[in-house]
Protein backbone atom coordinates (compact mmCIF):
# COMPACT_ATOMS: atom_id res chain seq x y z
CA UNK A 1 45.81 96.66 -6.41
CA UNK A 2 43.70 99.58 -7.57
CA UNK A 3 43.76 98.58 -11.23
CA UNK A 4 42.75 95.04 -10.41
CA UNK A 5 39.89 96.28 -8.27
CA UNK A 6 38.79 98.63 -11.00
CA UNK A 7 38.86 95.81 -13.57
CA UNK A 8 36.73 93.59 -11.37
CA UNK A 9 34.23 96.38 -10.89
CA UNK A 10 34.02 96.99 -14.62
CA UNK A 11 33.45 93.26 -15.29
CA UNK A 12 30.68 93.19 -12.68
CA UNK A 13 29.00 96.20 -14.26
CA UNK A 14 29.20 94.55 -17.68
CA UNK A 15 27.48 91.45 -16.33
CA UNK A 16 24.57 93.34 -14.75
CA UNK A 17 22.46 93.64 -17.96
CA UNK A 18 22.76 89.89 -18.54
CA UNK A 19 21.78 89.16 -14.98
CA UNK A 20 18.86 91.57 -15.15
CA UNK A 21 17.53 90.16 -18.45
CA UNK A 22 14.28 88.18 -17.81
CA UNK A 23 13.94 84.56 -18.82
CA UNK A 24 12.64 83.99 -22.36
CA UNK A 25 9.55 81.85 -22.98
CA UNK A 26 9.19 80.01 -26.29
CA UNK A 27 5.59 80.36 -27.51
CA UNK A 28 4.28 78.01 -30.23
CA UNK A 29 0.97 78.84 -31.88
CA UNK A 30 -0.88 76.27 -34.00
CA UNK A 31 -4.37 75.40 -35.31
CA UNK A 32 -6.16 72.09 -35.74
CA UNK A 33 -7.07 71.54 -38.51
CA UNK A 34 -4.79 74.13 -40.04
CA UNK A 35 -7.16 74.76 -42.93
CA UNK A 36 -9.72 75.86 -40.33
CA UNK A 37 -8.17 79.30 -39.83
CA UNK A 38 -5.35 81.41 -38.44
CA UNK A 39 -4.54 82.99 -35.07
CA UNK A 40 -3.93 86.63 -34.26
CA UNK A 41 -1.47 87.44 -31.47
CA UNK A 42 -1.01 90.73 -29.64
CA UNK A 43 1.88 91.21 -27.20
CA UNK A 44 4.56 93.74 -26.34
CA UNK A 45 6.87 92.27 -29.00
CA UNK A 46 4.61 90.53 -31.56
CA UNK A 47 1.34 91.67 -33.10
CA UNK A 48 -0.96 90.53 -35.91
CA UNK A 49 -1.76 87.25 -37.67
CA UNK A 50 0.93 84.61 -37.26
CA UNK A 51 2.70 84.18 -40.62
CA UNK A 52 2.67 80.35 -40.58
CA UNK A 53 1.37 77.39 -38.61
CA UNK A 54 2.93 76.23 -36.42
CA UNK A 55 4.73 79.46 -35.46
CA UNK A 56 7.25 79.81 -32.62
CA UNK A 57 8.53 83.06 -31.11
CA UNK A 58 10.12 84.14 -27.83
CA UNK A 59 8.81 86.65 -25.31
CA UNK A 60 10.09 87.63 -21.86
CA UNK A 61 8.60 85.72 -18.96
CA UNK A 62 5.56 87.51 -17.56
CA UNK A 63 4.51 88.96 -20.93
CA UNK A 64 0.77 89.27 -21.44
CA UNK A 65 -0.39 87.60 -24.66
CA UNK A 66 -3.77 88.17 -26.27
CA UNK A 67 -4.80 85.59 -28.87
CA UNK A 68 -7.91 85.72 -31.04
CA UNK A 69 -9.28 83.28 -33.60
CA UNK A 70 -9.44 84.06 -37.30
CA UNK A 71 -11.52 81.19 -38.76
CA UNK A 72 -11.67 80.63 -42.49
CA UNK A 73 -15.07 80.69 -44.26
CA UNK A 74 -17.11 77.63 -43.37
CA UNK A 75 -15.29 77.09 -40.04
CA UNK A 76 -15.65 78.36 -36.50
CA UNK A 77 -13.52 78.17 -33.36
CA UNK A 78 -14.56 75.47 -30.92
CA UNK A 79 -11.99 75.99 -28.15
CA UNK A 80 -8.31 76.52 -27.32
CA UNK A 81 -5.73 74.12 -25.96
CA UNK A 82 -3.05 75.79 -23.80
CA UNK A 83 -0.36 73.33 -22.72
CA UNK A 84 -2.97 70.55 -22.89
CA UNK A 85 -5.70 72.45 -20.98
CA UNK A 86 -8.90 73.41 -22.78
CA UNK A 87 -10.06 77.04 -22.74
CA UNK A 88 -13.28 78.50 -24.14
CA UNK A 89 -13.88 81.81 -25.85
CA UNK A 90 -13.06 83.38 -29.19
CA UNK A 91 -10.16 85.29 -27.57
CA UNK A 92 -7.96 84.45 -24.60
CA UNK A 93 -5.34 86.33 -22.59
CA UNK A 94 -2.34 84.44 -21.21
CA UNK A 95 0.73 85.19 -19.17
CA UNK A 96 3.93 83.69 -20.57
CA UNK A 97 5.51 81.55 -17.87
CA UNK A 98 7.90 78.63 -17.67
CA UNK A 99 10.18 77.63 -20.50
CA UNK A 100 7.57 77.08 -23.23
CA UNK A 101 3.92 77.70 -24.04
CA UNK A 102 1.91 75.66 -26.56
CA UNK A 103 -1.33 77.25 -27.79
CA UNK A 104 -3.60 75.48 -30.31
CA UNK A 105 -6.83 76.84 -31.77
CA UNK A 106 -9.24 73.97 -32.48
CA UNK A 107 -11.51 74.74 -35.43
CA UNK A 108 -14.49 72.81 -36.72
CA UNK A 109 -16.83 73.26 -39.69
CA UNK A 110 -19.65 75.67 -39.10
CA UNK A 111 -22.46 73.21 -38.38
CA UNK A 112 -25.25 75.50 -39.54
CA UNK A 113 -26.14 73.26 -42.48
CA UNK A 114 -28.61 71.11 -44.30
CA UNK A 115 -28.05 67.45 -45.13
CA UNK A 116 -29.03 65.15 -47.98
CA UNK A 117 -28.69 61.40 -47.55
CA UNK A 118 -27.83 59.07 -50.44
CA UNK A 119 -27.21 55.36 -50.68
CA UNK A 120 -23.43 55.74 -50.49
CA UNK A 121 -22.86 58.97 -48.57
CA UNK A 122 -24.39 61.86 -46.67
CA UNK A 123 -23.86 65.32 -48.15
CA UNK A 124 -23.72 68.38 -45.86
CA UNK A 125 -24.07 71.92 -47.23
CA UNK A 126 -23.40 74.95 -45.02
CA UNK A 127 -25.17 78.26 -45.44
CA UNK A 128 -21.86 79.64 -46.70
CA UNK A 129 -22.00 77.14 -49.57
CA UNK A 130 -19.36 74.68 -48.36
CA UNK A 131 -20.07 71.03 -49.09
CA UNK A 132 -19.00 68.06 -46.95
CA UNK A 133 -19.49 64.48 -48.13
CA UNK A 134 -19.27 61.67 -45.59
CA UNK A 135 -19.04 58.17 -47.13
CA UNK A 136 -20.76 55.26 -45.42
CA UNK A 137 -20.03 53.50 -43.18
CA UNK A 138 -18.26 55.59 -40.58
CA UNK A 139 -14.50 55.01 -40.39
CA UNK A 140 -12.54 56.30 -37.38
CA UNK A 141 -8.92 55.48 -38.13
CA UNK A 142 -5.91 57.05 -36.45
CA UNK A 143 -2.79 55.24 -37.72
CA UNK A 144 -0.55 56.60 -34.96
CA UNK A 145 -2.77 55.04 -32.27
CA UNK A 146 -3.21 51.40 -31.28
CA UNK A 147 -6.78 51.63 -30.04
CA UNK A 148 -10.21 51.04 -31.56
CA UNK A 149 -12.37 54.14 -31.80
CA UNK A 150 -15.95 53.85 -33.04
CA UNK A 151 -19.37 55.44 -32.97
CA UNK A 152 -22.68 53.94 -34.00
CA UNK A 153 -26.37 54.65 -33.72
CA UNK A 154 -28.61 51.74 -32.77
CA UNK A 155 -32.39 51.46 -32.80
CA UNK A 156 -34.96 49.41 -30.93
CA UNK A 157 -38.74 49.53 -31.26
CA UNK A 158 -41.84 48.87 -29.21
CA UNK A 159 -44.73 47.82 -31.39
CA UNK A 160 -48.27 49.04 -30.75
CA UNK A 161 -51.48 48.44 -32.69
CA UNK A 162 -52.62 51.64 -34.36
CA UNK A 163 -56.16 51.81 -35.68
CA UNK A 164 -57.03 53.36 -39.02
CA UNK A 165 -59.99 53.46 -41.40
CA UNK A 166 -59.53 51.94 -44.84
CA UNK A 167 -61.08 53.17 -48.09
CA UNK A 168 -64.21 51.10 -47.41
CA UNK A 169 -64.80 52.74 -44.04
CA UNK A 170 -63.72 49.66 -42.07
CA UNK A 171 -61.68 50.24 -38.92
CA UNK A 172 -58.53 48.15 -38.93
CA UNK A 173 -55.42 47.85 -36.79
CA UNK A 174 -51.81 47.68 -37.92
CA UNK A 175 -48.62 47.31 -35.91
CA UNK A 176 -46.73 50.60 -35.64
CA UNK A 177 -43.22 51.06 -34.34
CA UNK A 178 -42.38 53.45 -31.52
CA UNK A 179 -38.59 53.49 -31.96
CA UNK A 180 -35.91 54.61 -29.54
CA UNK A 181 -32.30 55.33 -30.45
CA UNK A 182 -28.99 55.00 -28.65
CA UNK A 183 -25.71 56.64 -29.60
CA UNK A 184 -22.81 54.28 -28.78
CA UNK A 185 -19.33 55.81 -28.36
CA UNK A 186 -16.37 53.47 -27.95
CA UNK A 187 -12.66 53.76 -27.20
CA UNK A 188 -11.04 50.37 -26.70
CA UNK A 189 -7.40 50.79 -25.69
CA UNK A 190 -4.50 48.74 -27.01
CA UNK A 191 -0.84 49.63 -26.56
CA UNK A 192 -1.96 53.28 -26.60
CA UNK A 193 -4.79 54.68 -24.49
CA UNK A 194 -5.46 58.29 -25.44
CA UNK A 195 -8.72 59.81 -24.22
CA UNK A 196 -11.17 60.48 -27.05
CA UNK A 197 -13.58 63.43 -27.12
CA UNK A 198 -16.78 62.99 -29.13
CA UNK A 199 -18.87 65.96 -30.30
CA UNK A 200 -22.40 64.88 -31.20
CA UNK A 201 -24.60 67.12 -33.35
CA UNK A 202 -28.24 66.88 -34.30
CA UNK A 203 -28.95 66.83 -38.06
CA UNK A 204 -29.99 70.51 -37.89
CA UNK A 205 -26.45 71.43 -36.81
CA UNK A 206 -26.97 72.14 -33.11
CA UNK A 207 -24.50 70.62 -30.65
CA UNK A 208 -26.18 67.96 -28.50
CA UNK A 209 -23.34 67.10 -26.12
CA UNK A 210 -19.59 66.66 -25.71
CA UNK A 211 -18.32 63.46 -24.09
CA UNK A 212 -14.74 62.37 -23.31
CA UNK A 213 -14.35 58.59 -23.22
CA UNK A 214 -11.44 56.74 -21.64
CA UNK A 215 -11.02 53.00 -22.03
CA UNK A 216 -14.51 51.62 -22.59
CA UNK A 217 -17.90 52.34 -24.12
CA UNK A 218 -20.55 54.98 -23.40
CA UNK A 219 -24.21 54.78 -24.43
CA UNK A 220 -26.29 57.95 -24.70
CA UNK A 221 -29.99 58.16 -25.45
CA UNK A 222 -30.63 59.88 -28.78
CA UNK A 223 -33.76 61.50 -30.19
CA UNK A 224 -33.77 60.46 -33.88
CA UNK A 225 -32.23 58.08 -36.37
CA UNK A 226 -29.41 60.34 -37.62
CA UNK A 227 -26.48 62.08 -35.94
CA UNK A 228 -23.28 63.90 -36.91
CA UNK A 229 -20.16 63.16 -34.85
CA UNK A 230 -16.73 64.78 -34.68
CA UNK A 231 -13.85 63.05 -32.91
CA UNK A 232 -10.86 64.76 -31.25
CA UNK A 233 -7.94 62.61 -30.12
CA UNK A 234 -4.17 63.11 -29.79
CA UNK A 235 -4.34 66.62 -31.21
CA UNK A 236 -6.31 65.61 -34.30
CA UNK A 237 -9.88 66.39 -35.28
CA UNK A 238 -11.76 63.87 -37.43
CA UNK A 239 -15.15 64.43 -39.04
CA UNK A 240 -17.86 65.04 -39.87
CA UNK A 241 -18.99 61.43 -39.46
CA UNK A 242 -22.62 60.72 -40.33
CA UNK A 243 -24.43 58.04 -38.34
CA UNK A 244 -27.78 56.53 -39.25
CA UNK A 245 -29.81 53.89 -37.44
CA UNK A 246 -31.80 51.33 -39.39
CA UNK A 247 -35.52 51.85 -39.48
CA UNK A 248 -37.36 49.13 -37.54
CA UNK A 249 -38.75 46.44 -39.82
CA UNK A 250 -42.40 45.46 -39.73
CA UNK A 251 -43.02 42.47 -37.45
CA UNK A 252 -44.38 39.20 -38.77
CA UNK A 253 -48.10 38.96 -37.93
CA UNK A 254 -48.74 36.62 -35.03
CA UNK A 255 -51.29 34.74 -37.12
CA UNK A 256 -48.52 33.77 -39.56
CA UNK A 257 -45.96 32.69 -36.96
CA UNK A 258 -47.67 29.34 -36.46
CA UNK A 259 -47.11 28.37 -40.09
CA UNK A 260 -43.48 29.45 -40.48
CA UNK A 261 -42.20 25.90 -39.76
CA UNK A 262 -44.25 24.73 -42.76
CA UNK A 263 -42.23 26.79 -45.23
CA UNK A 264 -39.55 24.08 -45.79
CA UNK A 265 -42.21 21.89 -47.40
CA UNK A 266 -41.90 24.12 -50.45
CA UNK A 267 -38.45 22.62 -50.93
CA UNK A 268 -39.85 19.12 -51.09
CA UNK A 269 -42.56 20.15 -53.56
CA UNK A 270 -39.91 21.76 -55.75
CA UNK A 271 -37.83 18.60 -55.46
CA UNK A 272 -40.79 16.56 -56.61
CA UNK A 273 -41.27 18.78 -59.66
CA UNK A 274 -37.61 18.97 -60.66
CA UNK A 275 -36.28 15.58 -59.59
CA UNK A 276 -37.94 12.59 -57.94
CA UNK A 277 -41.39 12.54 -56.38
CA UNK A 278 -40.36 9.51 -54.30
CA UNK A 279 -37.34 11.36 -52.83
CA UNK A 280 -39.55 14.33 -52.09
CA UNK A 281 -42.07 12.10 -50.30
CA UNK A 282 -39.35 10.50 -48.18
CA UNK A 283 -37.87 13.93 -47.36
CA UNK A 284 -41.25 15.34 -46.36
CA UNK A 285 -41.94 12.35 -44.12
CA UNK A 286 -38.54 12.65 -42.44
CA UNK A 287 -39.05 16.36 -41.86
CA UNK A 288 -42.54 15.75 -40.46
CA UNK A 289 -41.16 13.27 -37.91
CA UNK A 290 -37.93 15.08 -37.04
CA UNK A 291 -38.85 18.70 -37.76
CA UNK A 292 -40.21 19.31 -34.27
CA UNK A 293 -36.88 18.35 -32.70
CA UNK A 294 -34.95 20.49 -35.18
CA UNK A 295 -37.12 23.54 -34.55
CA UNK A 296 -36.94 23.01 -30.78
CA UNK A 297 -33.14 23.10 -31.06
CA UNK A 298 -33.48 26.61 -32.49
CA UNK A 299 -35.70 27.69 -29.63
CA UNK A 300 -39.12 27.63 -31.26
CA UNK A 301 -42.16 25.73 -30.04
CA UNK A 302 -44.32 26.50 -33.09
CA UNK A 303 -44.02 23.02 -34.53
CA UNK A 304 -47.54 21.78 -33.79
CA UNK A 305 -48.81 21.57 -37.38
CA UNK A 306 -45.58 20.13 -38.76
CA UNK A 307 -46.20 16.43 -38.04
CA UNK A 308 -49.80 16.17 -39.27
CA UNK A 309 -49.37 18.52 -42.20
CA UNK A 310 -46.01 17.02 -43.15
CA UNK A 311 -47.29 13.45 -43.17
CA UNK A 312 -50.23 14.57 -45.28
CA UNK A 313 -47.85 16.15 -47.82
CA UNK A 314 -45.65 13.03 -47.79
CA UNK A 315 -48.69 10.79 -48.38
CA UNK A 316 -49.85 13.02 -51.23
CA UNK A 317 -46.41 12.90 -52.87
CA UNK A 318 -46.24 9.13 -52.43
CA UNK A 319 -49.72 8.83 -54.02
CA UNK A 320 -48.48 10.89 -56.99
CA UNK A 321 -45.39 8.73 -57.27
CA UNK A 322 -47.34 5.46 -57.30
CA UNK A 323 -50.36 6.37 -59.35
CA UNK A 324 -48.90 9.12 -61.49
CA UNK A 325 -46.90 6.58 -63.49
CA UNK A 326 -49.95 4.49 -64.39
């Protein structure tokens, strides 16, 4: 019996190191976008820049990990994602727990830049000399997602009369726009419904706000007609996207509104010159009698001069048709 007991004791002793060995945690380090930079890791077993992205290694459970960002020129670290949770700071310290740990450094272009706007694109130049060109219009496409993601900048204007002095010393008034702008951020879900995080920058490169949008649309008051937007969704960063609101157009003077319904008479005059004066006269008479109803259907009540003026034009064309041939 002694040998058997001794054998059992030896087997138990051999198993003790395996039983005492702590659980291993698989750590995966990545960056988004990967061209934005690398990550430096310091732990009891691994130290220095990770050799590739993504990079996976194993450490004993409870190991303290220190990670720091190493952005490439023209980029900077925005934040970290650790197992789906966002963390701020250029460096973070973590404790390896569970079966796996996913750490992602999220980089973005260094938004200390100047911008030049062209007819087809907006060009951004950083102080480091890196150039970004954003074609127009903005396109937010994520093929792996079935949801509509968009951002736009809209403008509205309140018109006021601003006085000025012309070259002859006469004081005049002209309508001047006092515009206001709204940044519209949308995420309309389909078969997928990932939350979308928008990062909105002023044209000078300073971050205005960060907003995460679920299923729906968010409107935020904006201070000028241009904005730069980055979009982060499903582990991907998209941007920069340049937004520009249209400048408000000058309003039609109120004194001219009354005569807008008279503009179609130019068609009948042209018809008289190019084709038949009689047809033009008949057309002008029909428009004079029915024009008020047509304009009312489009919601305008400025048809007062149409009937009298139209019949006068029709009579003049008829006179030309009758007596012009003699």
